[in-house]
PDB file of N, CA and C in Angstrom:
ATOM      1  N   UNK A   1       0.790  -1.186   0.040  1.00  0.00           N
ATOM      2  CA  UNK A   1       0.021  -0.074   0.033  1.00  0.00           C
ATOM      3  C   UNK A   1       0.871   1.183   0.087  1.00  0.00           C
ATOM      4  N   UNK A   2       0.506   2.211  -0.913  1.00  0.00           N
ATOM      5  CA  UNK A   2       1.382   3.420  -1.086  1.00  0.00           C
ATOM      6  C   UNK A   2       0.872   4.382  -0.149  1.00  0.00           C
ATOM      7  N   UNK A   3       1.732   5.287   0.275  1.00  0.00           N
ATOM      8  CA  UNK A   3       1.232   6.487   1.094  1.00  0.00           C
ATOM      9  C   UNK A   3       1.367   7.617   0.297  1.00  0.00           C
ATOM     10  N   UNK A   4       0.520   8.616   0.642  1.00  0.00           N
ATOM     11  CA  UNK A   4       0.615   9.846  -0.265  1.00  0.00           C
ATOM     12  C   UNK A   4       1.562  10.673   0.207  1.00  0.00           C
ATOM     13  N   UNK A   5       2.178  11.377  -0.758  1.00  0.00           N
ATOM     14  CA  UNK A   5       3.340  12.251  -0.487  1.00  0.00           C
ATOM     15  C   UNK A   5       3.097  13.693  -1.146  1.00  0.00           C
ATOM     16  N   UNK A   6       3.797  14.616  -0.660  1.00  0.00           N
ATOM     17  CA  UNK A   6       3.666  15.970  -1.181  1.00  0.00           C
ATOM     18  C   UNK A   6       4.143  16.054  -2.490  1.00  0.00           C
ATOM     19  N   UNK A   7       5.379  15.492  -2.897  1.00  0.00           N
ATOM     20  CA  UNK A   7       5.797  15.401  -4.323  1.00  0.00           C
ATOM     21  C   UNK A   7       4.902  14.741  -5.353  1.00  0.00           C
ATOM     22  N   UNK A   8       4.155  13.563  -4.742  1.00  0.00           N
ATOM     23  CA  UNK A   8       3.104  13.002  -5.715  1.00  0.00           C
ATOM     24  C   UNK A   8       2.036  13.924  -5.947  1.00  0.00           C
ATOM     25  N   UNK A   9       1.568  14.648  -4.891  1.00  0.00           N
ATOM     26  CA  UNK A   9       0.417  15.574  -5.141  1.00  0.00           C
ATOM     27  C   UNK A   9       0.857  16.616  -6.120  1.00  0.00           C
ATOM     28  N   UNK A  10       1.955  17.175  -5.937  1.00  0.00           N
ATOM     29  CA  UNK A  10       2.447  18.370  -6.888  1.00  0.00           C
ATOM     30  C   UNK A  10       2.621  17.704  -8.293  1.00  0.00           C
ATOM     31  N   UNK A  11       3.030  16.576  -8.435  1.00  0.00           N
ATOM     32  CA  UNK A  11       3.199  15.912  -9.722  1.00  0.00           C
ATOM     33  C   UNK A  11       1.882  15.747 -10.380  1.00  0.00           C
ATOM     34  N   UNK A  12       0.773  15.335  -9.669  1.00  0.00           N
ATOM     35  CA  UNK A  12      -0.503  15.162 -10.268  1.00  0.00           C
ATOM     36  C   UNK A  12      -1.089  16.484 -10.659  1.00  0.00           C
ATOM     37  N   UNK A  13      -0.834  17.398  -9.747  1.00  0.00           N
ATOM     38  CA  UNK A  13      -1.334  18.813  -9.995  1.00  0.00           C
ATOM     39  C   UNK A  13      -0.771  19.469 -11.269  1.00  0.00           C
ATOM     40  N   UNK A  14       0.588  19.195 -11.277  1.00  0.00           N
ATOM     41  CA  UNK A  14       1.368  19.706 -12.628  1.00  0.00           C
ATOM     42  C   UNK A  14       0.599  18.917 -13.812  1.00  0.00           C
ATOM     43  N   UNK A  15       0.435  17.690 -13.789  1.00  0.00           N
ATOM     44  CA  UNK A  15       0.056  16.836 -14.868  1.00  0.00           C
ATOM     45  C   UNK A  15      -1.521  17.446 -15.283  1.00  0.00           C
ATOM     46  N   UNK A  16      -2.375  17.587 -14.362  1.00  0.00           N
ATOM     47  CA  UNK A  16      -3.640  18.193 -14.547  1.00  0.00           C
ATOM     48  C   UNK A  16      -3.738  19.602 -15.209  1.00  0.00           C
ATOM     49  N   UNK A  17      -2.680  20.373 -14.675  1.00  0.00           N
ATOM     50  CA  UNK A  17      -2.621  21.726 -15.253  1.00  0.00           C
ATOM     51  C   UNK A  17      -2.017  21.696 -16.711  1.00  0.00           C
ATOM     52  N   UNK A  18      -1.102  20.889 -16.930  1.00  0.00           N
ATOM     53  CA  UNK A  18      -0.602  20.802 -18.320  1.00  0.00           C
ATOM     54  C   UNK A  18      -1.683  20.235 -19.345  1.00  0.00           C
ATOM     55  N   UNK A  19      -2.391  19.225 -18.777  1.00  0.00           N
ATOM     56  CA  UNK A  19      -3.479  18.735 -19.612  1.00  0.00           C
ATOM     57  C   UNK A  19      -4.526  19.715 -20.022  1.00  0.00           C
ATOM     58  N   UNK A  20      -4.952  20.592 -18.874  1.00  0.00           N
ATOM     59  CA  UNK A  20      -5.899  21.539 -19.034  1.00  0.00           C
ATOM     60  C   UNK A  20      -5.447  22.705 -19.966  1.00  0.00           C
ATOM     61  N   UNK A  21      -4.125  23.232 -19.809  1.00  0.00           N
ATOM     62  CA  UNK A  21      -3.710  24.196 -20.702  1.00  0.00           C
ATOM     63  C   UNK A  21      -3.519  23.673 -22.085  1.00  0.00           C
ATOM     64  N   UNK A  22      -3.098  22.493 -22.308  1.00  0.00           N
ATOM     65  CA  UNK A  22      -2.874  21.924 -23.576  1.00  0.00           C
ATOM     66  C   UNK A  22      -4.172  21.843 -24.348  1.00  0.00           C
ATOM     67  N   UNK A  23      -5.167  21.309 -23.614  1.00  0.00           N
ATOM     68  CA  UNK A  23      -6.568  21.294 -24.233  1.00  0.00           C
ATOM     69  C   UNK A  23      -7.144  22.583 -24.702  1.00  0.00           C
ATOM     70  N   UNK A  24      -6.830  23.528 -23.806  1.00  0.00           N
ATOM     71  CA  UNK A  24      -7.423  24.867 -24.112  1.00  0.00           C
ATOM     72  C   UNK A  24      -6.677  25.485 -25.223  1.00  0.00           C
ATOM     73  N   UNK A  25      -5.361  25.230 -25.390  1.00  0.00           N
ATOM     74  CA  UNK A  25      -4.560  25.780 -26.584  1.00  0.00           C
ATOM     75  C   UNK A  25      -5.071  25.121 -27.830  1.00  0.00           C
ATOM     76  N   UNK A  26      -5.353  23.813 -27.784  1.00  0.00           N
ATOM     77  CA  UNK A  26      -5.737  23.152 -29.084  1.00  0.00           C
ATOM     78  C   UNK A  26      -7.238  23.489 -29.307  1.00  0.00           C
ATOM     79  N   UNK A  27      -8.069  23.888 -28.333  1.00  0.00           N
ATOM     80  CA  UNK A  27      -9.365  24.410 -28.696  1.00  0.00           C
ATOM     81  C   UNK A  27      -9.296  25.768 -29.389  1.00  0.00           C
ATOM     82  N   UNK A  28      -8.372  26.607 -28.824  1.00  0.00           N
ATOM     83  CA  UNK A  28      -8.337  27.964 -29.608  1.00  0.00           C
ATOM     84  C   UNK A  28      -7.850  27.723 -30.934  1.00  0.00           C
ATOM     85  N   UNK A  29      -7.131  26.777 -31.265  1.00  0.00           N
ATOM     86  CA  UNK A  29      -6.644  26.477 -32.716  1.00  0.00           C
ATOM     87  C   UNK A  29      -7.789  26.059 -33.471  1.00  0.00           C
ATOM     88  N   UNK A  30      -8.506  25.013 -32.945  1.00  0.00           N
ATOM     89  CA  UNK A  30      -9.554  24.261 -33.701  1.00  0.00           C
ATOM     90  C   UNK A  30     -10.889  24.620 -33.616  1.00  0.00           C
ATOM     91  N   UNK A  31     -11.265  25.605 -32.663  1.00  0.00           N
ATOM     92  CA  UNK A  31     -12.549  26.167 -32.587  1.00  0.00           C
ATOM     93  C   UNK A  31     -13.040  26.905 -33.768  1.00  0.00           C
ATOM     94  N   UNK A  32     -12.307  27.769 -34.410  1.00  0.00           N
ATOM     95  CA  UNK A  32     -12.802  28.354 -35.715  1.00  0.00           C
ATOM     96  C   UNK A  32     -13.259  27.385 -36.721  1.00  0.00           C
ATOM     97  N   UNK A  33     -12.378  26.291 -36.900  1.00  0.00           N
ATOM     98  CA  UNK A  33     -12.711  25.345 -37.969  1.00  0.00           C
ATOM     99  C   UNK A  33     -14.020  24.625 -37.654  1.00  0.00           C
ATOM    100  N   UNK A  34     -14.062  24.211 -36.414  1.00  0.00           N
ATOM    101  CA  UNK A  34     -15.286  23.480 -35.990  1.00  0.00           C
ATOM    102  C   UNK A  34     -16.568  24.206 -36.166  1.00  0.00           C
ATOM    103  N   UNK A  35     -16.528  25.522 -35.747  1.00  0.00           N
ATOM    104  CA  UNK A  35     -17.708  26.514 -35.768  1.00  0.00           C
ATOM    105  C   UNK A  35     -18.022  26.738 -37.221  1.00  0.00           C
ATOM    106  N   UNK A  36     -16.983  26.805 -38.098  1.00  0.00           N
ATOM    107  CA  UNK A  36     -17.197  27.126 -39.544  1.00  0.00           C
ATOM    108  C   UNK A  36     -18.003  25.836 -40.246  1.00  0.00           C
ATOM    109  N   UNK A  37     -17.521  24.673 -39.733  1.00  0.00           N
ATOM    110  CA  UNK A  37     -18.139  23.511 -40.258  1.00  0.00           C
ATOM    111  C   UNK A  37     -19.662  23.373 -39.788  1.00  0.00           C
ATOM    112  N   UNK A  38     -19.850  23.665 -38.504  1.00  0.00           N
ATOM    113  CA  UNK A  38     -21.205  23.659 -37.964  1.00  0.00           C
ATOM    114  C   UNK A  38     -22.125  24.598 -38.710  1.00  0.00           C
ATOM    115  N   UNK A  39     -21.635  25.803 -38.877  1.00  0.00           N
ATOM    116  CA  UNK A  39     -22.426  26.870 -39.616  1.00  0.00           C
ATOM    117  C   UNK A  39     -22.760  26.303 -40.943  1.00  0.00           C
ATOM    118  N   UNK A  40     -21.680  25.828 -41.709  1.00  0.00           N
ATOM    119  CA  UNK A  40     -21.888  25.509 -43.173  1.00  0.00           C
ATOM    120  C   UNK A  40     -22.950  24.266 -43.119  1.00  0.00           C
ATOM    121  N   UNK A  41     -22.931  23.306 -42.322  1.00  0.00           N
ATOM    122  CA  UNK A  41     -23.843  22.197 -42.166  1.00  0.00           C
ATOM    123  C   UNK A  41     -25.301  22.786 -41.828  1.00  0.00           C
ATOM    124  N   UNK A  42     -25.392  23.660 -40.881  1.00  0.00           N
ATOM    125  CA  UNK A  42     -26.700  24.222 -40.585  1.00  0.00           C
ATOM    126  C   UNK A  42     -27.350  25.010 -41.819  1.00  0.00           C
ATOM    127  N   UNK A  43     -26.443  25.769 -42.588  1.00  0.00           N
ATOM    128  CA  UNK A  43     -26.962  26.426 -43.767  1.00  0.00           C
ATOM    129  C   UNK A  43     -27.449  25.454 -44.680  1.00  0.00           C
ATOM    130  N   UNK A  44     -26.644  24.354 -45.043  1.00  0.00           N
ATOM    131  CA  UNK A  44     -27.203  23.346 -45.926  1.00  0.00           C
ATOM    132  C   UNK A  44     -28.377  22.636 -45.491  1.00  0.00           C
ATOM    133  N   UNK A  45     -28.702  22.374 -44.215  1.00  0.00           N
ATOM    134  CA  UNK A  45     -29.868  21.895 -43.764  1.00  0.00           C
ATOM    135  C   UNK A  45     -31.089  22.842 -44.005  1.00  0.00           C
ATOM    136  N   UNK A  46     -30.822  24.022 -43.556  1.00  0.00           N
ATOM    137  CA  UNK A  46     -31.816  25.221 -43.783  1.00  0.00           C
ATOM    138  C   UNK A  46     -32.167  25.214 -45.324  1.00  0.00           C
ATOM    139  N   UNK A  47     -31.294  25.348 -46.292  1.00  0.00           N
ATOM    140  CA  UNK A  47     -31.536  25.555 -47.570  1.00  0.00           C
ATOM    141  C   UNK A  47     -32.327  24.203 -48.085  1.00  0.00           C
ATOM    142  N   UNK A  48     -31.944  22.985 -47.561  1.00  0.00           N
ATOM    143  CA  UNK A  48     -32.571  21.826 -48.062  1.00  0.00           C
ATOM    144  C   UNK A  48     -34.027  21.766 -47.518  1.00  0.00           C
ATOM    145  N   UNK A  49     -34.145  22.237 -46.298  1.00  0.00           N
ATOM    146  CA  UNK A  49     -35.538  22.232 -45.745  1.00  0.00           C
ATOM    147  C   UNK A  49     -36.500  23.193 -46.411  1.00  0.00           C
ATOM    148  N   UNK A  50     -35.974  24.347 -46.795  1.00  0.00           N
ATOM    149  CA  UNK A  50     -36.845  25.347 -47.363  1.00  0.00           C
ATOM    150  C   UNK A  50     -36.805  25.336 -48.898  1.00  0.00           C
ATOM    151  N   UNK A  51     -36.294  24.380 -49.490  1.00  0.00           N
ATOM    152  CA  UNK A  51     -36.360  24.198 -51.028  1.00  0.00           C
ATOM    153  C   UNK A  51     -35.499  25.171 -51.812  1.00  0.00           C
ATOM    154  N   UNK A  52     -34.380  25.764 -51.200  1.00  0.00           N
ATOM    155  CA  UNK A  52     -33.639  26.700 -51.889  1.00  0.00           C
ATOM    156  C   UNK A  52     -32.704  25.867 -52.941  1.00  0.00           C
ATOM    157  N   UNK A  53     -32.580  26.448 -54.056  1.00  0.00           N
ATOM    158  CA  UNK A  53     -31.579  26.098 -55.062  1.00  0.00           C
ATOM    159  C   UNK A  53     -30.563  27.236 -55.023  1.00  0.00           C
ATOM    160  N   UNK A  54     -29.299  26.726 -54.861  1.00  0.00           N
ATOM    161  CA  UNK A  54     -28.213  27.802 -54.534  1.00  0.00           C
ATOM    162  C   UNK A  54     -28.176  28.718 -55.822  1.00  0.00           C
ATOM    163  N   UNK A  55     -28.269  28.279 -56.952  1.00  0.00           N
ATOM    164  CA  UNK A  55     -28.027  29.163 -57.987  1.00  0.00           C
ATOM    165  C   UNK A  55     -29.135  30.058 -58.138  1.00  0.00           C
ATOM    166  N   UNK A  56     -30.451  29.590 -57.896  1.00  0.00           N
ATOM    167  CA  UNK A  56     -31.619  30.576 -57.995  1.00  0.00           C
ATOM    168  C   UNK A  56     -31.478  31.541 -56.784  1.00  0.00           C
ATOM    169  N   UNK A  57     -31.092  31.072 -55.677  1.00  0.00           N
ATOM    170  CA  UNK A  57     -30.952  31.959 -54.448  1.00  0.00           C
ATOM    171  C   UNK A  57     -29.931  33.189 -54.678  1.00  0.00           C
ATOM    172  N   UNK A  58     -28.983  32.903 -55.290  1.00  0.00           N
ATOM    173  CA  UNK A  58     -27.765  33.696 -55.406  1.00  0.00           C
ATOM    174  C   UNK A  58     -28.294  34.908 -56.469  1.00  0.00           C
ATOM    175  N   UNK A  59     -28.925  34.383 -57.452  1.00  0.00           N
ATOM    176  CA  UNK A  59     -29.450  35.195 -58.571  1.00  0.00           C
ATOM    177  C   UNK A  59     -30.501  36.140 -58.049  1.00  0.00           C
ATOM    178  N   UNK A  60     -31.554  35.658 -57.235  1.00  0.00           N
ATOM    179  CA  UNK A  60     -32.357  36.379 -56.702  1.00  0.00           C
ATOM    180  C   UNK A  60     -31.989  37.598 -55.774  1.00  0.00           C
ATOM    181  N   UNK A  61     -30.883  37.115 -55.004  1.00  0.00           N
ATOM    182  CA  UNK A  61     -30.353  38.151 -54.186  1.00  0.00           C
ATOM    183  C   UNK A  61     -29.725  39.344 -54.918  1.00  0.00           C
ATOM    184  N   UNK A  62     -29.071  38.956 -56.061  1.00  0.00           N
ATOM    185  CA  UNK A  62     -28.310  39.966 -56.943  1.00  0.00           C
ATOM    186  C   UNK A  62     -29.408  40.901 -57.547  1.00  0.00           C
ATOM    187  N   UNK A  63     -30.663  40.336 -57.914  1.00  0.00           N
ATOM    188  CA  UNK A  63     -31.511  41.201 -58.797  1.00  0.00           C
ATOM    189  C   UNK A  63     -32.613  41.899 -57.938  1.00  0.00           C
ATOM    190  N   UNK A  64     -32.612  41.815 -56.591  1.00  0.00           N
ATOM    191  CA  UNK A  64     -33.655  42.388 -55.759  1.00  0.00           C
ATOM    192  C   UNK A  64     -33.486  43.843 -55.492  1.00  0.00           C
ATOM    193  N   UNK A  65     -32.330  44.357 -55.440  1.00  0.00           N
ATOM    194  CA  UNK A  65     -31.998  45.731 -55.069  1.00  0.00           C
ATOM    195  C   UNK A  65     -31.893  46.563 -56.491  1.00  0.00           C
ATOM    196  N   UNK A  66     -32.570  47.543 -56.563  1.00  0.00           N
ATOM    197  CA  UNK A  66     -32.385  48.532 -57.579  1.00  0.00           C
ATOM    198  C   UNK A  66     -32.442  49.914 -57.032  1.00  0.00           C
ATOM    199  N   UNK A  67     -31.542  50.783 -57.368  1.00  0.00           N
ATOM    200  CA  UNK A  67     -31.572  52.182 -56.793  1.00  0.00           C
ATOM    201  C   UNK A  67     -32.622  53.045 -57.557  1.00  0.00           C
ATOM    202  N   UNK A  68     -33.461  53.868 -56.858  1.00  0.00           N
ATOM    203  CA  UNK A  68     -34.332  54.638 -57.474  1.00  0.00           C
ATOM    204  C   UNK A  68     -33.498  55.786 -58.357  1.00  0.00           C
ATOM    205  N   UNK A  69     -34.045  55.912 -59.509  1.00  0.00           N
ATOM    206  CA  UNK A  69     -33.338  57.119 -60.339  1.00  0.00           C
ATOM    207  C   UNK A  69     -34.323  58.324 -60.281  1.00  0.00           C
ATOM    208  N   UNK A  70     -33.756  59.452 -59.940  1.00  0.00           N
ATOM    209  CA  UNK A  70     -34.555  60.729 -59.790  1.00  0.00           C
ATOM    210  C   UNK A  70     -33.782  61.860 -60.639  1.00  0.00           C
ATOM    211  N   UNK A  71     -34.473  62.560 -61.383  1.00  0.00           N
ATOM    212  CA  UNK A  71     -33.778  63.636 -62.117  1.00  0.00           C
ATOM    213  C   UNK A  71     -33.363  64.792 -61.271  1.00  0.00           C
ATOM    214  N   UNK A  72     -34.364  65.230 -60.511  1.00  0.00           N
ATOM    215  CA  UNK A  72     -34.018  66.271 -59.535  1.00  0.00           C
ATOM    216  C   UNK A  72     -34.219  65.950 -58.016  1.00  0.00           C
ATOM    217  N   UNK A  73     -33.378  66.613 -57.226  1.00  0.00           N
ATOM    218  CA  UNK A  73     -33.667  66.324 -55.741  1.00  0.00           C
ATOM    219  C   UNK A  73     -35.030  66.708 -55.313  1.00  0.00           C
ATOM    220  N   UNK A  74     -35.516  66.176 -54.228  1.00  0.00           N
ATOM    221  CA  UNK A  74     -36.805  66.552 -53.563  1.00  0.00           C
ATOM    222  C   UNK A  74     -36.712  67.941 -52.971  1.00  0.00           C
ATOM    223  N   UNK A  75     -37.731  68.613 -53.181  1.00  0.00           N
ATOM    224  CA  UNK A  75     -37.851  70.066 -52.539  1.00  0.00           C
ATOM    225  C   UNK A  75     -38.373  69.803 -51.041  1.00  0.00           C
ATOM    226  N   UNK A  76     -37.909  70.545 -50.112  1.00  0.00           N
ATOM    227  CA  UNK A  76     -38.517  70.671 -48.906  1.00  0.00           C
ATOM    228  C   UNK A  76     -39.656  71.313 -48.919  1.00  0.00           C
ATOM    229  N   UNK A  77     -40.705  70.974 -48.111  1.00  0.00           N
ATOM    230  CA  UNK A  77     -42.007  71.638 -47.988  1.00  0.00           C
ATOM    231  C   UNK A  77     -41.836  72.839 -47.087  1.00  0.00           C
ATOM    232  N   UNK A  78     -42.304  73.803 -47.698  1.00  0.00           N
ATOM    233  CA  UNK A  78     -42.138  75.203 -46.960  1.00  0.00           C
ATOM    234  C   UNK A  78     -43.283  75.338 -45.938  1.00  0.00           C
ATOM    235  N   UNK A  79     -43.137  75.533 -44.799  1.00  0.00           N
ATOM    236  CA  UNK A  79     -44.068  75.567 -43.731  1.00  0.00           C
ATOM    237  C   UNK A  79     -44.464  77.023 -43.576  1.00  0.00           C
ATOM    238  N   UNK A  80     -43.511  77.905 -43.418  1.00  0.00           N
ATOM    239  CA  UNK A  80     -43.788  79.325 -43.044  1.00  0.00           C
ATOM    240  C   UNK A  80     -42.627  80.110 -43.124  1.00  0.00           C
ATOM    241  N   UNK A  81     -42.716  81.325 -42.579  1.00  0.00           N
ATOM    242  CA  UNK A  81     -41.642  82.282 -42.371  1.00  0.00           C
ATOM    243  C   UNK A  81     -40.947  81.931 -41.006  1.00  0.00           C
ATOM    244  N   UNK A  82     -39.732  82.324 -40.872  1.00  0.00           N
ATOM    245  CA  UNK A  82     -39.071  82.190 -39.557  1.00  0.00           C
ATOM    246  C   UNK A  82     -39.264  83.505 -38.853  1.00  0.00           C
ATOM    247  N   UNK A  83     -39.677  83.482 -37.606  1.00  0.00           N
ATOM    248  CA  UNK A  83     -40.004  84.673 -36.790  1.00  0.00           C
ATOM    249  C   UNK A  83     -38.922  84.716 -35.614  1.00  0.00           C
ATOM    250  N   UNK A  84     -38.182  85.734 -35.472  1.00  0.00           N
ATOM    251  CA  UNK A  84     -37.310  85.905 -34.430  1.00  0.00           C
ATOM    252  C   UNK A  84     -37.946  86.697 -33.375  1.00  0.00           C
ATOM    253  N   UNK A  85     -38.168  86.084 -32.223  1.00  0.00           N
ATOM    254  CA  UNK A  85     -38.808  86.875 -31.176  1.00  0.00           C
ATOM    255  C   UNK A  85     -37.838  87.486 -30.278  1.00  0.00           C
ATOM    256  N   UNK A  86     -38.145  88.649 -29.746  1.00  0.00           N
ATOM    257  CA  UNK A  86     -37.341  89.374 -28.880  1.00  0.00           C
ATOM    258  C   UNK A  86     -37.935  89.263 -27.396  1.00  0.00           C
ATOM    259  N   UNK A  87     -37.071  89.226 -26.453  1.00  0.00           N
ATOM    260  CA  UNK A  87     -37.532  89.083 -25.144  1.00  0.00           C
ATOM    261  C   UNK A  87     -37.868  90.442 -24.566  1.00  0.00           C
ATOM    262  N   UNK A  88     -38.742  90.667 -23.827  1.00  0.00           N
ATOM    263  CA  UNK A  88     -39.265  92.040 -23.229  1.00  0.00           C
ATOM    264  C   UNK A  88     -38.942  91.779 -21.823  1.00  0.00           C
ATOM    265  N   UNK A  89     -38.176  92.903 -21.299  1.00  0.00           N
ATOM    266  CA  UNK A  89     -37.879  92.771 -19.933  1.00  0.00           C
ATOM    267  C   UNK A  89     -38.903  93.522 -19.071  1.00  0.00           C
TER     268      UNK A  89
END
């Protein structure tokens, strides 16, 4: 039967810390790739469920906006004259 020692405890704490920070470092590297794949898969599922065809969808997005053309700028509606009031003491 083994007895617990202080050096053994520090050894396990060091191993646990190294594993924790190692996994944290790997997740920082891999998280953007994982999130990108999840978003791509969700977009594919959304398009499949709603019956979107990718070529039709991009063409309709490109053709939906058209800038209104006007020859002259809009005139502001004149409400009345500006009256400057003076204070009476």
